[in-house]
Amino acid sequence: MRGRQGVLHTGHHLIDLGARADDSDAGKVAEGVGRTVVHFADVSDAEIAAYVASAEPLYVAGAFTIDGLGGAFVERIEGDHGNVVGLSLPLFRGLLSQVGLTVPQLWAGHGVS
């Protein structure tokens, strides 16, 4: 992908299990796909070899990670960076809304009211 861009799609599926007192929305489902474009630097063969030798690309999805060693080879990102590392919080918030929940409701039981 050196010097090119890749499009990362991450699927999110949310099911309300009705674990709260008012479980009128139990069983509701929401789903969506986050899309992020990652632009890679035009790195040298030596940089690629060193990255592979680090073993990091063997343990991450897509053979790179923006929050690890591979992040040095990312020039820019179009979209939500959270989508690249696993969970798009803006998309998640929208899905919560579709099943009748809000983010603060998830904080209950964690000392936040």
C-alpha atoms as a PDB file:
ATOM      1  CA  MET A   1       0.000   0.000   0.000  1.00  0.00           C
ATOM      2  CA  ARG A   2       3.015   2.279  -0.019  1.00  0.00           C
ATOM      3  CA  GLY A   3       2.185   5.637  -1.518  1.00  0.00           C
ATOM      4  CA  ARG A   4      -1.440   4.600  -1.965  1.00  0.00           C
ATOM      5  CA  GLN A   5      -4.664   4.677  -0.032  1.00  0.00           C
ATOM      6  CA  GLY A   6      -6.876   1.973   1.351  1.00  0.00           C
ATOM      7  CA  VAL A   7     -10.514   2.048   2.393  1.00  0.00           C
ATOM      8  CA  LEU A   8     -11.354   0.362   5.669  1.00  0.00           C
ATOM      9  CA  HIS A   9     -14.932  -0.733   6.323  1.00  0.00           C
ATOM     10  CA  THR A  10     -15.876  -1.809   9.837  1.00  0.00           C
ATOM     11  CA  GLY A  11     -19.260  -3.345  10.553  1.00  0.00           C
ATOM     12  CA  HIS A  12     -21.048  -2.586  13.808  1.00  0.00           C
ATOM     13  CA  HIS A  13     -24.069  -4.550  15.042  1.00  0.00           C
ATOM     14  CA  LEU A  14     -25.883  -3.585  18.239  1.00  0.00           C
ATOM     15  CA  ILE A  15     -28.525  -5.634  20.048  1.00  0.00           C
ATOM     16  CA  ASP A  16     -30.408  -4.234  23.033  1.00  0.00           C
ATOM     17  CA  LEU A  17     -30.570  -7.119  25.505  1.00  0.00           C
ATOM     18  CA  GLY A  18     -32.896  -5.216  27.832  1.00  0.00           C
ATOM     19  CA  ALA A  19     -30.641  -5.319  30.876  1.00  0.00           C
ATOM     20  CA  ARG A  20     -32.192  -2.247  32.507  1.00  0.00           C
ATOM     21  CA  ALA A  21     -35.361  -1.719  34.535  1.00  0.00           C
ATOM     22  CA  ASP A  22     -37.254  -0.230  31.591  1.00  0.00           C
ATOM     23  CA  ASP A  23     -36.592  -2.855  28.931  1.00  0.00           C
ATOM     24  CA  SER A  24     -39.317  -1.781  26.510  1.00  0.00           C
ATOM     25  CA  ASP A  25     -36.686  -1.601  23.767  1.00  0.00           C
ATOM     26  CA  ALA A  26     -35.307  -5.091  24.474  1.00  0.00           C
ATOM     27  CA  GLY A  27     -34.581  -7.000  21.317  1.00  0.00           C
ATOM     28  CA  LYS A  28     -34.147  -3.950  19.103  1.00  0.00           C
ATOM     29  CA  VAL A  29     -31.271  -4.178  16.651  1.00  0.00           C
ATOM     30  CA  ALA A  30     -29.249  -1.524  14.846  1.00  0.00           C
ATOM     31  CA  GLU A  31     -26.375  -1.934  12.444  1.00  0.00           C
ATOM     32  CA  GLY A  32     -24.099   0.201  10.339  1.00  0.00           C
ATOM     33  CA  VAL A  33     -20.778   0.338   8.569  1.00  0.00           C
ATOM     34  CA  GLY A  34     -18.016   2.832   9.253  1.00  0.00           C
ATOM     35  CA  ARG A  35     -15.828   3.862   6.303  1.00  0.00           C
ATOM     36  CA  THR A  36     -12.383   5.406   6.676  1.00  0.00           C
ATOM     37  CA  VAL A  37      -9.771   6.147   4.014  1.00  0.00           C
ATOM     38  CA  VAL A  38      -6.157   5.657   5.102  1.00  0.00           C
ATOM     39  CA  HIS A  39      -3.403   7.320   3.048  1.00  0.00           C
ATOM     40  CA  PHE A  40      -0.019   5.625   3.307  1.00  0.00           C
ATOM     41  CA  ALA A  41       3.377   7.284   2.929  1.00  0.00           C
ATOM     42  CA  ASP A  42       5.727   6.300   0.119  1.00  0.00           C
ATOM     43  CA  VAL A  43       8.048   4.347   2.418  1.00  0.00           C
ATOM     44  CA  SER A  44      11.316   2.698   1.422  1.00  0.00           C
ATOM     45  CA  ASP A  45      11.955  -1.032   1.105  1.00  0.00           C
ATOM     46  CA  ALA A  46      14.210  -0.776   4.172  1.00  0.00           C
ATOM     47  CA  GLU A  47      11.389   0.788   6.226  1.00  0.00           C
ATOM     48  CA  ILE A  48       8.995  -1.954   5.161  1.00  0.00           C
ATOM     49  CA  ALA A  49      11.549  -4.642   6.019  1.00  0.00           C
ATOM     50  CA  ALA A  50      12.135  -3.103   9.444  1.00  0.00           C
ATOM     51  CA  TYR A  51       8.397  -2.927  10.092  1.00  0.00           C
ATOM     52  CA  VAL A  52       7.909  -6.564   9.114  1.00  0.00           C
ATOM     53  CA  ALA A  53      10.884  -7.529  11.321  1.00  0.00           C
ATOM     54  CA  SER A  54       9.145  -5.839  14.268  1.00  0.00           C
ATOM     55  CA  ALA A  55       6.432  -8.541  13.950  1.00  0.00           C
ATOM     56  CA  GLU A  56       3.698  -5.952  14.563  1.00  0.00           C
ATOM     57  CA  PRO A  57       2.042  -6.513  11.169  1.00  0.00           C
ATOM     58  CA  LEU A  58       1.621 -10.190  12.037  1.00  0.00           C
ATOM     59  CA  TYR A  59      -0.636  -9.402  14.997  1.00  0.00           C
ATOM     60  CA  VAL A  60      -2.938  -6.671  13.710  1.00  0.00           C
ATOM     61  CA  ALA A  61      -5.804  -6.627  11.238  1.00  0.00           C
ATOM     62  CA  GLY A  62      -4.746  -5.484   7.790  1.00  0.00           C
ATOM     63  CA  ALA A  63      -1.031  -5.774   8.704  1.00  0.00           C
ATOM     64  CA  PHE A  64      -0.839  -2.208  10.044  1.00  0.00           C
ATOM     65  CA  THR A  65      -2.083  -0.195  12.978  1.00  0.00           C
ATOM     66  CA  ILE A  66      -2.389   3.562  13.302  1.00  0.00           C
ATOM     67  CA  ASP A  67      -1.763   3.491  17.041  1.00  0.00           C
ATOM     68  CA  GLY A  68       1.398   1.391  16.937  1.00  0.00           C
ATOM     69  CA  LEU A  69       4.629   1.293  14.973  1.00  0.00           C
ATOM     70  CA  GLY A  70       2.779   1.311  11.654  1.00  0.00           C
ATOM     71  CA  GLY A  71       1.252   4.683  12.475  1.00  0.00           C
ATOM     72  CA  ALA A  72       4.487   6.310  11.322  1.00  0.00           C
ATOM     73  CA  PHE A  73       3.670   5.211   7.772  1.00  0.00           C
ATOM     74  CA  VAL A  74       0.192   6.783   7.680  1.00  0.00           C
ATOM     75  CA  GLU A  75       0.136  10.249   6.107  1.00  0.00           C
ATOM     76  CA  ARG A  76      -3.497  11.047   6.790  1.00  0.00           C
ATOM     77  CA  ILE A  77      -6.897   9.616   7.542  1.00  0.00           C
ATOM     78  CA  GLU A  78     -10.250  10.640   6.074  1.00  0.00           C
ATOM     79  CA  GLY A  79     -13.020   9.705   8.454  1.00  0.00           C
ATOM     80  CA  ASP A  80     -13.169   8.439  12.003  1.00  0.00           C
ATOM     81  CA  HIS A  81      -9.851   7.124  13.331  1.00  0.00           C
ATOM     82  CA  GLY A  82     -11.812   5.025  15.853  1.00  0.00           C
ATOM     83  CA  ASN A  83     -13.193   3.042  12.944  1.00  0.00           C
ATOM     84  CA  VAL A  84      -9.631   1.993  12.090  1.00  0.00           C
ATOM     85  CA  VAL A  85      -8.808   0.792  15.610  1.00  0.00           C
ATOM     86  CA  GLY A  86     -12.064  -1.066  16.087  1.00  0.00           C
ATOM     87  CA  LEU A  87     -15.048   1.014  17.221  1.00  0.00           C
ATOM     88  CA  SER A  88     -16.416   4.127  15.591  1.00  0.00           C
ATOM     89  CA  LEU A  89     -17.810   6.044  18.560  1.00  0.00           C
ATOM     90  CA  PRO A  90     -19.896   8.427  16.408  1.00  0.00           C
ATOM     91  CA  LEU A  91     -21.459   5.450  14.613  1.00  0.00           C
ATOM     92  CA  PHE A  92     -21.950   3.621  17.929  1.00  0.00           C
ATOM     93  CA  ARG A  93     -23.721   6.661  19.391  1.00  0.00           C
ATOM     94  CA  GLY A  94     -26.045   6.738  16.378  1.00  0.00           C
ATOM     95  CA  LEU A  95     -26.784   3.028  16.728  1.00  0.00           C
ATOM     96  CA  LEU A  96     -27.580   3.499  20.414  1.00  0.00           C
ATOM     97  CA  SER A  97     -30.094   6.167  19.434  1.00  0.00           C
ATOM     98  CA  GLN A  98     -31.750   3.750  17.002  1.00  0.00           C
ATOM     99  CA  VAL A  99     -32.430   1.279  19.829  1.00  0.00           C
ATOM    100  CA  GLY A 100     -33.624   4.000  22.212  1.00  0.00           C
ATOM    101  CA  LEU A 101     -30.462   4.422  24.293  1.00  0.00           C
ATOM    102  CA  THR A 102     -28.053   7.255  24.995  1.00  0.00           C
ATOM    103  CA  VAL A 103     -24.373   7.194  25.903  1.00  0.00           C
ATOM    104  CA  PRO A 104     -25.017   8.499  29.462  1.00  0.00           C
ATOM    105  CA  GLN A 105     -27.314   5.521  30.091  1.00  0.00           C
ATOM    106  CA  LEU A 106     -24.272   3.281  29.622  1.00  0.00           C
ATOM    107  CA  TRP A 107     -22.510   5.146  32.416  1.00  0.00           C
ATOM    108  CA  ALA A 108     -25.042   4.004  35.041  1.00  0.00           C
ATOM    109  CA  GLY A 109     -23.321   1.912  37.690  1.00  0.00           C
ATOM    110  CA  HIS A 110     -19.990   3.639  37.085  1.00  0.00           C
ATOM    111  CA  GLY A 111     -20.489   6.458  39.575  1.00  0.00           C
ATOM    112  CA  VAL A 112     -21.838   8.851  36.947  1.00  0.00           C
ATOM    113  CA  SER A 113     -25.400  10.072  37.118  1.00  0.00           C
END
